[in-house]
């Protein structure tokens, strides 16, 4: 089944993705601070796990923003 959305609905979804990406960005910043704290406490293994999680979230943020941009572009056509 094909679902057709009007431009305003697409723009709302794009904004929701942007908002979600912004939340992820803040989570990444918190994780990076935690990584620095763990490294100072010589907890390299846990720091590495959190660094991996931060990298994953950062990449997801980039994908979400790219998807939101594509949605906005399609809504304006």
N, C-alpha and C. Protein backbone atom coordinates (compact mmCIF):
# COMPACT_ATOMS: atom_id res chain seq x y z
N UNK A 1 0.84 -1.17 0.00
CA UNK A 1 0.00 0.00 0.00
C UNK A 1 0.89 1.24 0.00
N UNK A 2 0.56 2.20 -0.81
CA UNK A 2 1.31 3.45 -0.88
C UNK A 2 0.57 4.51 -0.08
N UNK A 3 1.28 5.15 0.83
CA UNK A 3 0.69 6.20 1.62
C UNK A 3 1.17 7.54 1.08
N UNK A 4 0.25 8.41 0.79
CA UNK A 4 0.61 9.73 0.28
C UNK A 4 0.41 10.74 1.40
N UNK A 5 1.44 11.52 1.66
CA UNK A 5 1.39 12.52 2.72
C UNK A 5 1.41 13.91 2.07
N UNK A 6 0.70 14.84 2.69
CA UNK A 6 0.79 16.19 2.17
C UNK A 6 2.08 16.83 2.68
N UNK A 7 2.44 17.96 2.07
CA UNK A 7 3.72 18.60 2.37
C UNK A 7 3.84 18.97 3.84
N UNK A 8 2.75 19.43 4.45
CA UNK A 8 2.85 19.83 5.86
C UNK A 8 3.15 18.64 6.76
N UNK A 9 2.59 17.48 6.44
CA UNK A 9 2.88 16.29 7.24
C UNK A 9 4.33 15.86 7.07
N UNK A 10 4.83 15.94 5.86
CA UNK A 10 6.24 15.60 5.61
C UNK A 10 7.15 16.55 6.37
N UNK A 11 6.82 17.83 6.36
CA UNK A 11 7.63 18.81 7.09
C UNK A 11 7.57 18.58 8.59
N UNK A 12 6.42 18.16 9.11
CA UNK A 12 6.32 17.84 10.53
C UNK A 12 7.18 16.64 10.88
N UNK A 13 7.18 15.64 10.02
CA UNK A 13 8.02 14.46 10.26
C UNK A 13 9.49 14.83 10.19
N UNK A 14 9.84 15.69 9.24
CA UNK A 14 11.23 16.14 9.12
C UNK A 14 11.66 16.88 10.38
N UNK A 15 10.77 17.72 10.91
CA UNK A 15 11.09 18.46 12.14
C UNK A 15 11.24 17.50 13.31
N UNK A 16 10.39 16.48 13.36
CA UNK A 16 10.51 15.49 14.44
C UNK A 16 11.86 14.78 14.36
N UNK A 17 12.30 14.46 13.16
CA UNK A 17 13.62 13.83 12.99
C UNK A 17 14.73 14.78 13.44
N UNK A 18 14.60 16.06 13.10
CA UNK A 18 15.60 17.05 13.53
C UNK A 18 15.63 17.13 15.05
N UNK A 19 14.46 17.14 15.68
CA UNK A 19 14.40 17.20 17.14
C UNK A 19 15.06 15.96 17.76
N UNK A 20 14.79 14.81 17.17
CA UNK A 20 15.38 13.56 17.65
C UNK A 20 16.91 13.61 17.49
N UNK A 21 17.36 14.14 16.37
CA UNK A 21 18.80 14.26 16.13
C UNK A 21 19.45 15.18 17.16
N UNK A 22 18.74 16.25 17.52
CA UNK A 22 19.28 17.18 18.52
C UNK A 22 19.39 16.49 19.88
N UNK A 23 18.42 15.66 20.22
CA UNK A 23 18.51 14.89 21.47
C UNK A 23 19.70 13.94 21.45
N UNK A 24 19.90 13.30 20.32
CA UNK A 24 21.05 12.40 20.20
C UNK A 24 22.35 13.18 20.33
N UNK A 25 22.40 14.37 19.75
CA UNK A 25 23.61 15.20 19.84
C UNK A 25 23.93 15.50 21.31
N UNK A 26 22.91 15.83 22.09
CA UNK A 26 23.14 16.10 23.51
C UNK A 26 23.59 14.84 24.24
N UNK A 27 23.03 13.68 23.87
CA UNK A 27 23.46 12.42 24.49
C UNK A 27 24.92 12.13 24.17
N UNK A 28 25.32 12.41 22.93
CA UNK A 28 26.72 12.21 22.54
C UNK A 28 27.63 13.08 23.40
N UNK A 29 27.25 14.32 23.58
CA UNK A 29 28.07 15.24 24.39
C UNK A 29 28.21 14.71 25.82
N UNK A 30 27.12 14.22 26.39
CA UNK A 30 27.18 13.67 27.75
C UNK A 30 28.06 12.42 27.80
N UNK A 31 27.95 11.57 26.80
CA UNK A 31 28.79 10.38 26.76
C UNK A 31 30.27 10.74 26.65
N UNK A 32 30.57 11.74 25.83
CA UNK A 32 31.97 12.15 25.67
C UNK A 32 32.54 12.68 26.97
N UNK A 33 31.73 13.42 27.73
CA UNK A 33 32.19 13.89 29.04
C UNK A 33 32.44 12.70 29.98
N UNK A 34 31.54 11.74 29.93
CA UNK A 34 31.70 10.55 30.77
C UNK A 34 32.95 9.78 30.37
N UNK A 35 33.24 9.70 29.07
CA UNK A 35 34.45 9.02 28.59
C UNK A 35 35.68 9.70 29.18
N UNK A 36 35.72 11.02 29.12
CA UNK A 36 36.88 11.74 29.66
C UNK A 36 37.04 11.48 31.16
N UNK A 37 35.93 11.45 31.86
CA UNK A 37 35.96 11.18 33.30
C UNK A 37 36.50 9.77 33.57
N UNK A 38 36.02 8.80 32.80
CA UNK A 38 36.47 7.41 32.99
C UNK A 38 37.94 7.26 32.67
N UNK A 39 38.41 7.94 31.65
CA UNK A 39 39.82 7.86 31.30
C UNK A 39 40.70 8.40 32.43
N UNK A 40 40.24 9.48 33.06
CA UNK A 40 40.99 10.05 34.19
C UNK A 40 41.03 9.08 35.36
N UNK A 41 40.03 8.20 35.44
CA UNK A 41 39.98 7.20 36.52
C UNK A 41 40.59 5.87 36.09
N UNK A 42 41.29 5.87 34.96
CA UNK A 42 41.94 4.67 34.43
C UNK A 42 40.96 3.52 34.17
N UNK A 43 39.77 3.85 33.68
CA UNK A 43 38.77 2.84 33.34
C UNK A 43 38.62 2.81 31.82
N UNK A 44 39.71 2.40 31.18
CA UNK A 44 39.78 2.45 29.72
C UNK A 44 38.76 1.54 29.03
N UNK A 45 38.49 0.38 29.59
CA UNK A 45 37.53 -0.54 28.95
C UNK A 45 36.13 0.07 28.88
N UNK A 46 35.69 0.60 30.00
CA UNK A 46 34.36 1.23 30.03
C UNK A 46 34.34 2.48 29.15
N UNK A 47 35.42 3.23 29.17
CA UNK A 47 35.52 4.42 28.32
C UNK A 47 35.42 4.03 26.84
N UNK A 48 36.05 2.94 26.47
CA UNK A 48 36.00 2.49 25.07
C UNK A 48 34.59 2.10 24.68
N UNK A 49 33.86 1.44 25.57
CA UNK A 49 32.47 1.07 25.28
C UNK A 49 31.60 2.31 25.08
N UNK A 50 31.78 3.28 25.96
CA UNK A 50 30.98 4.50 25.83
C UNK A 50 31.39 5.31 24.60
N UNK A 51 32.66 5.29 24.27
CA UNK A 51 33.12 5.98 23.07
C UNK A 51 32.49 5.35 21.82
N UNK A 52 32.39 4.04 21.80
CA UNK A 52 31.75 3.35 20.69
C UNK A 52 30.27 3.75 20.60
N UNK A 53 29.60 3.79 21.75
CA UNK A 53 28.18 4.18 21.77
C UNK A 53 28.02 5.62 21.28
N UNK A 54 28.91 6.50 21.70
CA UNK A 54 28.85 7.89 21.26
C UNK A 54 29.05 8.00 19.75
N UNK A 55 29.97 7.22 19.22
CA UNK A 55 30.22 7.23 17.78
C UNK A 55 28.99 6.73 17.02
N UNK A 56 28.38 5.68 17.52
CA UNK A 56 27.18 5.13 16.89
C UNK A 56 26.05 6.17 16.89
N UNK A 57 25.84 6.82 18.03
CA UNK A 57 24.80 7.85 18.12
C UNK A 57 25.11 9.04 17.22
N UNK A 58 26.37 9.42 17.13
CA UNK A 58 26.76 10.52 16.25
C UNK A 58 26.44 10.19 14.79
N UNK A 59 26.77 8.98 14.38
CA UNK A 59 26.48 8.57 13.00
C UNK A 59 24.98 8.52 12.75
N UNK A 60 24.22 8.07 13.73
CA UNK A 60 22.76 8.05 13.60
C UNK A 60 22.21 9.47 13.50
N UNK A 61 22.82 10.39 14.23
CA UNK A 61 22.42 11.80 14.16
C UNK A 61 22.62 12.34 12.75
N UNK A 62 23.76 12.03 12.16
CA UNK A 62 24.04 12.49 10.80
C UNK A 62 23.03 11.90 9.81
N UNK A 63 22.71 10.62 9.98
CA UNK A 63 21.72 9.99 9.08
C UNK A 63 20.35 10.62 9.23
N UNK A 64 19.95 10.87 10.48
CA UNK A 64 18.64 11.49 10.72
C UNK A 64 18.57 12.88 10.10
N UNK A 65 19.63 13.65 10.25
CA UNK A 65 19.62 15.01 9.68
C UNK A 65 19.59 14.96 8.16
N UNK A 66 20.31 14.02 7.58
CA UNK A 66 20.29 13.89 6.12
C UNK A 66 18.90 13.47 5.64
N UNK A 67 18.29 12.57 6.38
CA UNK A 67 16.94 12.12 6.02
C UNK A 67 15.95 13.28 6.15
N UNK A 68 16.06 14.06 7.21
CA UNK A 68 15.18 15.21 7.40
C UNK A 68 15.35 16.22 6.27
N UNK A 69 16.59 16.45 5.85
CA UNK A 69 16.85 17.38 4.75
C UNK A 69 16.22 16.88 3.45
N UNK A 70 16.33 15.57 3.22
CA UNK A 70 15.74 14.98 2.01
C UNK A 70 14.22 15.10 2.06
N UNK A 71 13.64 14.91 3.22
CA UNK A 71 12.19 15.03 3.37
C UNK A 71 11.75 16.46 3.08
N UNK A 72 12.51 17.42 3.62
CA UNK A 72 12.17 18.83 3.37
C UNK A 72 12.26 19.16 1.89
N UNK A 73 13.31 18.66 1.24
CA UNK A 73 13.49 18.92 -0.18
C UNK A 73 12.34 18.33 -0.99
N UNK A 74 11.89 17.14 -0.63
CA UNK A 74 10.80 16.51 -1.37
C UNK A 74 9.48 17.25 -1.12
N UNK A 75 9.32 17.83 0.04
CA UNK A 75 8.08 18.55 0.36
C UNK A 75 7.99 19.86 -0.42
N UNK A 76 9.13 20.40 -0.79
CA UNK A 76 9.15 21.69 -1.49
C UNK A 76 9.13 21.54 -3.00
N UNK A 77 9.03 20.32 -3.48
CA UNK A 77 9.00 20.11 -4.94
C UNK A 77 7.60 20.24 -5.48
